[in-house]
Amino acid sequence: MGTPLPQLNGRQELPPDLPRLRTLVTYLRGRLIPAERTLNIAEEREATHARRQPLPEPPAWLIEPGFGAGQLPGPRPRRGLLGQPTLHRNQ
């Protein structure tokens, strides 16, 4: 006795004889190939569309991180004249 055939809800899911099983596999391949082609075309279109999207512009200004013993670096604007924050232009 060979390997039991797959079952679904207590019934055999696939035909037990080889000719009908081959016919079913041939039919399913015929349905799968066009679906895979359609999927490939859709993925290519999506990739082309993604490549056409412009990249975001870099920020015009930077905030320098702070430094100090026992402190974690964190964003802190540099202080300029009269205690006003001074932001540095991104080169």
N, C-alpha and C. Protein backbone atom coordinates (compact mmCIF):
# COMPACT_ATOMS: atom_id res chain seq x y z
N MET A 1 0.85 -1.19 0.00
CA MET A 1 0.00 0.00 0.00
C MET A 1 0.89 1.24 0.00
N GLY A 2 0.58 2.24 -0.83
CA GLY A 2 1.40 3.44 -0.99
C GLY A 2 0.97 4.54 -0.04
N THR A 3 1.48 5.72 -0.32
CA THR A 3 1.16 6.90 0.48
C THR A 3 -0.30 7.28 0.27
N PRO A 4 -1.03 7.57 1.36
CA PRO A 4 -2.44 7.95 1.18
C PRO A 4 -2.56 9.30 0.46
N LEU A 5 -3.61 9.45 -0.32
CA LEU A 5 -3.86 10.70 -1.04
C LEU A 5 -4.35 11.77 -0.08
N PRO A 6 -4.06 13.05 -0.37
CA PRO A 6 -4.53 14.14 0.50
C PRO A 6 -6.06 14.14 0.58
N GLN A 7 -6.56 14.51 1.76
CA GLN A 7 -8.00 14.56 1.96
C GLN A 7 -8.43 15.94 2.43
N LEU A 8 -9.64 16.30 2.08
CA LEU A 8 -10.24 17.56 2.50
C LEU A 8 -11.62 17.24 3.03
N ASN A 9 -11.90 17.57 4.28
CA ASN A 9 -13.18 17.29 4.92
C ASN A 9 -13.52 15.80 4.85
N GLY A 10 -12.52 14.96 5.03
CA GLY A 10 -12.76 13.51 5.03
C GLY A 10 -12.91 12.90 3.66
N ARG A 11 -12.81 13.70 2.59
CA ARG A 11 -12.93 13.17 1.22
C ARG A 11 -11.61 13.36 0.51
N GLN A 12 -11.38 12.50 -0.47
CA GLN A 12 -10.17 12.65 -1.26
C GLN A 12 -10.26 13.94 -2.06
N GLU A 13 -9.19 14.74 -1.99
CA GLU A 13 -9.18 16.02 -2.68
C GLU A 13 -8.83 15.85 -4.16
N LEU A 14 -8.05 14.84 -4.48
CA LEU A 14 -7.58 14.62 -5.84
C LEU A 14 -8.05 13.26 -6.36
N PRO A 15 -8.15 13.12 -7.68
CA PRO A 15 -8.58 11.83 -8.21
C PRO A 15 -7.54 10.74 -7.88
N PRO A 16 -8.01 9.52 -7.62
CA PRO A 16 -7.11 8.46 -7.21
C PRO A 16 -6.32 7.83 -8.37
N ASP A 17 -6.83 7.94 -9.59
CA ASP A 17 -6.15 7.26 -10.70
C ASP A 17 -5.21 8.22 -11.44
N LEU A 18 -4.15 7.67 -11.98
CA LEU A 18 -3.09 8.44 -12.62
C LEU A 18 -3.56 9.24 -13.84
N PRO A 19 -4.34 8.68 -14.77
CA PRO A 19 -4.74 9.47 -15.95
C PRO A 19 -5.53 10.73 -15.59
N ARG A 20 -6.48 10.63 -14.67
CA ARG A 20 -7.27 11.81 -14.30
C ARG A 20 -6.41 12.81 -13.52
N LEU A 21 -5.50 12.30 -12.72
CA LEU A 21 -4.61 13.18 -11.98
C LEU A 21 -3.71 13.96 -12.93
N ARG A 22 -3.18 13.30 -13.97
CA ARG A 22 -2.37 13.99 -14.98
C ARG A 22 -3.20 15.03 -15.73
N THR A 23 -4.43 14.69 -16.05
CA THR A 23 -5.31 15.63 -16.73
C THR A 23 -5.54 16.87 -15.86
N LEU A 24 -5.78 16.65 -14.58
CA LEU A 24 -6.00 17.76 -13.66
C LEU A 24 -4.76 18.64 -13.57
N VAL A 25 -3.58 18.03 -13.45
CA VAL A 25 -2.34 18.80 -13.36
C VAL A 25 -2.12 19.60 -14.64
N THR A 26 -2.37 19.00 -15.80
CA THR A 26 -2.22 19.71 -17.07
C THR A 26 -3.17 20.90 -17.14
N TYR A 27 -4.42 20.70 -16.72
CA TYR A 27 -5.39 21.78 -16.71
C TYR A 27 -4.94 22.91 -15.79
N LEU A 28 -4.50 22.55 -14.59
CA LEU A 28 -4.10 23.58 -13.62
C LEU A 28 -2.87 24.34 -14.10
N ARG A 29 -1.92 23.66 -14.75
CA ARG A 29 -0.76 24.36 -15.31
C ARG A 29 -1.21 25.34 -16.38
N GLY A 30 -2.18 24.93 -17.20
CA GLY A 30 -2.71 25.82 -18.24
C GLY A 30 -3.35 27.06 -17.66
N ARG A 31 -3.94 26.95 -16.49
CA ARG A 31 -4.55 28.11 -15.83
C ARG A 31 -3.51 28.95 -15.09
N LEU A 32 -2.46 28.29 -14.58
CA LEU A 32 -1.46 28.98 -13.78
C LEU A 32 -0.51 29.81 -14.65
N ILE A 33 -0.12 29.34 -15.79
CA ILE A 33 0.85 30.05 -16.64
C ILE A 33 0.34 31.44 -17.03
N PRO A 34 -0.90 31.59 -17.53
CA PRO A 34 -1.37 32.95 -17.84
C PRO A 34 -1.46 33.84 -16.59
N ALA A 35 -1.83 33.25 -15.47
CA ALA A 35 -1.90 34.04 -14.23
C ALA A 35 -0.51 34.53 -13.83
N GLU A 36 0.51 33.70 -13.97
CA GLU A 36 1.87 34.11 -13.65
C GLU A 36 2.35 35.19 -14.61
N ARG A 37 2.01 35.08 -15.88
CA ARG A 37 2.38 36.12 -16.85
C ARG A 37 1.75 37.45 -16.48
N THR A 38 0.47 37.42 -16.14
CA THR A 38 -0.23 38.64 -15.75
C THR A 38 0.40 39.24 -14.49
N LEU A 39 0.75 38.39 -13.54
CA LEU A 39 1.41 38.85 -12.32
C LEU A 39 2.75 39.50 -12.64
N ASN A 40 3.55 38.89 -13.50
CA ASN A 40 4.85 39.46 -13.88
C ASN A 40 4.69 40.82 -14.54
N ILE A 41 3.72 40.96 -15.41
CA ILE A 41 3.47 42.24 -16.09
C ILE A 41 3.09 43.30 -15.06
N ALA A 42 2.21 42.95 -14.12
CA ALA A 42 1.79 43.91 -13.09
C ALA A 42 2.96 44.31 -12.21
N GLU A 43 3.83 43.36 -11.85
CA GLU A 43 4.99 43.68 -11.03
C GLU A 43 5.97 44.57 -11.77
N GLU A 44 6.16 44.32 -13.06
CA GLU A 44 7.05 45.17 -13.87
C GLU A 44 6.51 46.59 -13.96
N ARG A 45 5.20 46.73 -14.15
CA ARG A 45 4.59 48.07 -14.21
C ARG A 45 4.79 48.81 -12.89
N GLU A 46 4.58 48.10 -11.78
CA GLU A 46 4.74 48.72 -10.47
C GLU A 46 6.19 49.14 -10.24
N ALA A 47 7.14 48.29 -10.63
CA ALA A 47 8.56 48.63 -10.46
C ALA A 47 8.93 49.84 -11.32
N THR A 48 8.43 49.89 -12.55
CA THR A 48 8.70 51.03 -13.43
C THR A 48 8.12 52.30 -12.83
N HIS A 49 6.92 52.21 -12.30
CA HIS A 49 6.28 53.38 -11.68
C HIS A 49 7.09 53.84 -10.47
N ALA A 50 7.57 52.92 -9.66
CA ALA A 50 8.35 53.28 -8.47
C ALA A 50 9.67 53.94 -8.86
N ARG A 51 10.29 53.50 -9.95
CA ARG A 51 11.55 54.10 -10.39
C ARG A 51 11.33 55.52 -10.91
N ARG A 52 10.15 55.82 -11.41
CA ARG A 52 9.86 57.16 -11.95
C ARG A 52 9.56 58.17 -10.88
N GLN A 53 9.27 57.72 -9.65
CA GLN A 53 8.97 58.65 -8.57
C GLN A 53 10.22 59.45 -8.23
N PRO A 54 10.11 60.77 -8.12
CA PRO A 54 11.29 61.57 -7.76
C PRO A 54 11.71 61.30 -6.32
N LEU A 55 13.01 61.35 -6.10
CA LEU A 55 13.53 61.17 -4.74
C LEU A 55 13.22 62.41 -3.92
N PRO A 56 12.97 62.23 -2.63
CA PRO A 56 12.69 63.41 -1.81
C PRO A 56 13.93 64.28 -1.71
N GLU A 57 13.72 65.59 -1.63
CA GLU A 57 14.83 66.53 -1.53
C GLU A 57 15.45 66.43 -0.14
N PRO A 58 16.77 66.59 -0.05
CA PRO A 58 17.40 66.58 1.28
C PRO A 58 16.96 67.81 2.06
N PRO A 59 17.00 67.74 3.38
CA PRO A 59 16.58 68.90 4.16
C PRO A 59 17.50 70.09 3.92
N ALA A 60 16.94 71.28 3.93
CA ALA A 60 17.72 72.49 3.67
C ALA A 60 18.54 72.87 4.89
N TRP A 61 18.17 72.43 6.07
CA TRP A 61 18.87 72.82 7.30
C TRP A 61 19.17 71.59 8.13
N LEU A 62 20.25 71.68 8.92
CA LEU A 62 20.64 70.61 9.84
C LEU A 62 20.66 71.15 11.25
N ILE A 63 20.37 70.30 12.20
CA ILE A 63 20.53 70.63 13.61
C ILE A 63 21.67 69.75 14.10
N GLU A 64 22.70 70.37 14.69
CA GLU A 64 23.85 69.61 15.16
C GLU A 64 23.51 68.92 16.47
N PRO A 65 23.96 67.66 16.65
CA PRO A 65 23.70 66.98 17.91
C PRO A 65 24.57 67.56 19.02
N GLY A 66 24.07 67.53 20.25
CA GLY A 66 24.83 68.03 21.39
C GLY A 66 25.83 67.00 21.89
N PHE A 67 26.85 67.46 22.61
CA PHE A 67 27.86 66.58 23.17
C PHE A 67 28.00 66.91 24.65
N GLY A 68 28.38 65.93 25.45
CA GLY A 68 28.62 66.18 26.86
C GLY A 68 28.85 64.89 27.60
N ALA A 69 29.64 64.93 28.66
CA ALA A 69 29.93 63.74 29.45
C ALA A 69 28.66 63.31 30.18
N GLY A 70 28.35 62.04 30.08
CA GLY A 70 27.18 61.49 30.76
C GLY A 70 25.86 61.82 30.11
N GLN A 71 25.89 62.48 28.98
CA GLN A 71 24.65 62.82 28.28
C GLN A 71 24.60 62.08 26.96
N LEU A 72 23.44 61.67 26.61
CA LEU A 72 23.25 61.09 25.29
C LEU A 72 23.19 62.21 24.26
N PRO A 73 23.82 62.03 23.13
CA PRO A 73 23.70 63.06 22.10
C PRO A 73 22.24 63.21 21.70
N GLY A 74 21.81 64.42 21.60
CA GLY A 74 20.44 64.69 21.19
C GLY A 74 20.43 65.92 20.31
N PRO A 75 19.40 66.11 19.51
CA PRO A 75 19.37 67.29 18.65
C PRO A 75 19.24 68.55 19.48
N ARG A 76 20.18 69.47 19.30
CA ARG A 76 20.16 70.75 19.99
C ARG A 76 20.58 71.83 19.01
N PRO A 77 19.75 72.84 18.79
CA PRO A 77 20.19 73.91 17.90
C PRO A 77 21.32 74.70 18.55
N ARG A 78 22.23 75.15 17.74
CA ARG A 78 23.35 75.97 18.22
C ARG A 78 22.80 77.36 18.58
N ARG A 79 23.32 77.97 19.63
CA ARG A 79 22.86 79.29 20.05
C ARG A 79 23.70 80.36 19.36
N GLY A 80 23.04 81.33 18.81
CA GLY A 80 23.72 82.43 18.12
C GLY A 80 23.67 83.69 18.97
N LEU A 81 23.66 84.81 18.32
CA LEU A 81 23.60 86.10 19.01
C LEU A 81 22.30 86.23 19.79
N LEU A 82 22.39 86.80 20.95
CA LEU A 82 21.24 87.07 21.79
C LEU A 82 20.48 85.79 22.18
N GLY A 83 21.19 84.66 22.20
CA GLY A 83 20.58 83.40 22.63
C GLY A 83 19.61 82.79 21.64
N GLN A 84 19.57 83.33 20.42
CA GLN A 84 18.66 82.79 19.42
C GLN A 84 19.26 81.54 18.78
N PRO A 85 18.45 80.50 18.53
CA PRO A 85 18.99 79.30 17.87
C PRO A 85 19.49 79.65 16.47
N THR A 86 20.62 79.08 16.11
CA THR A 86 21.17 79.27 14.78
C THR A 86 21.21 77.93 14.09
N LEU A 87 20.54 77.78 12.99
CA LEU A 87 20.56 76.55 12.22
C LEU A 87 21.59 76.67 11.11
N HIS A 88 22.25 75.58 10.81
CA HIS A 88 23.31 75.60 9.79
C HIS A 88 22.73 75.10 8.48
N ARG A 89 23.03 75.83 7.45
CA ARG A 89 22.56 75.48 6.10
C ARG A 89 23.27 74.22 5.65
N ASN A 90 22.51 73.28 5.09
CA ASN A 90 23.07 72.04 4.56
C ASN A 90 23.83 72.34 3.28
N GLN A 91 25.05 71.91 3.20
CA GLN A 91 25.89 72.18 2.02
C GLN A 91 25.63 71.14 0.97
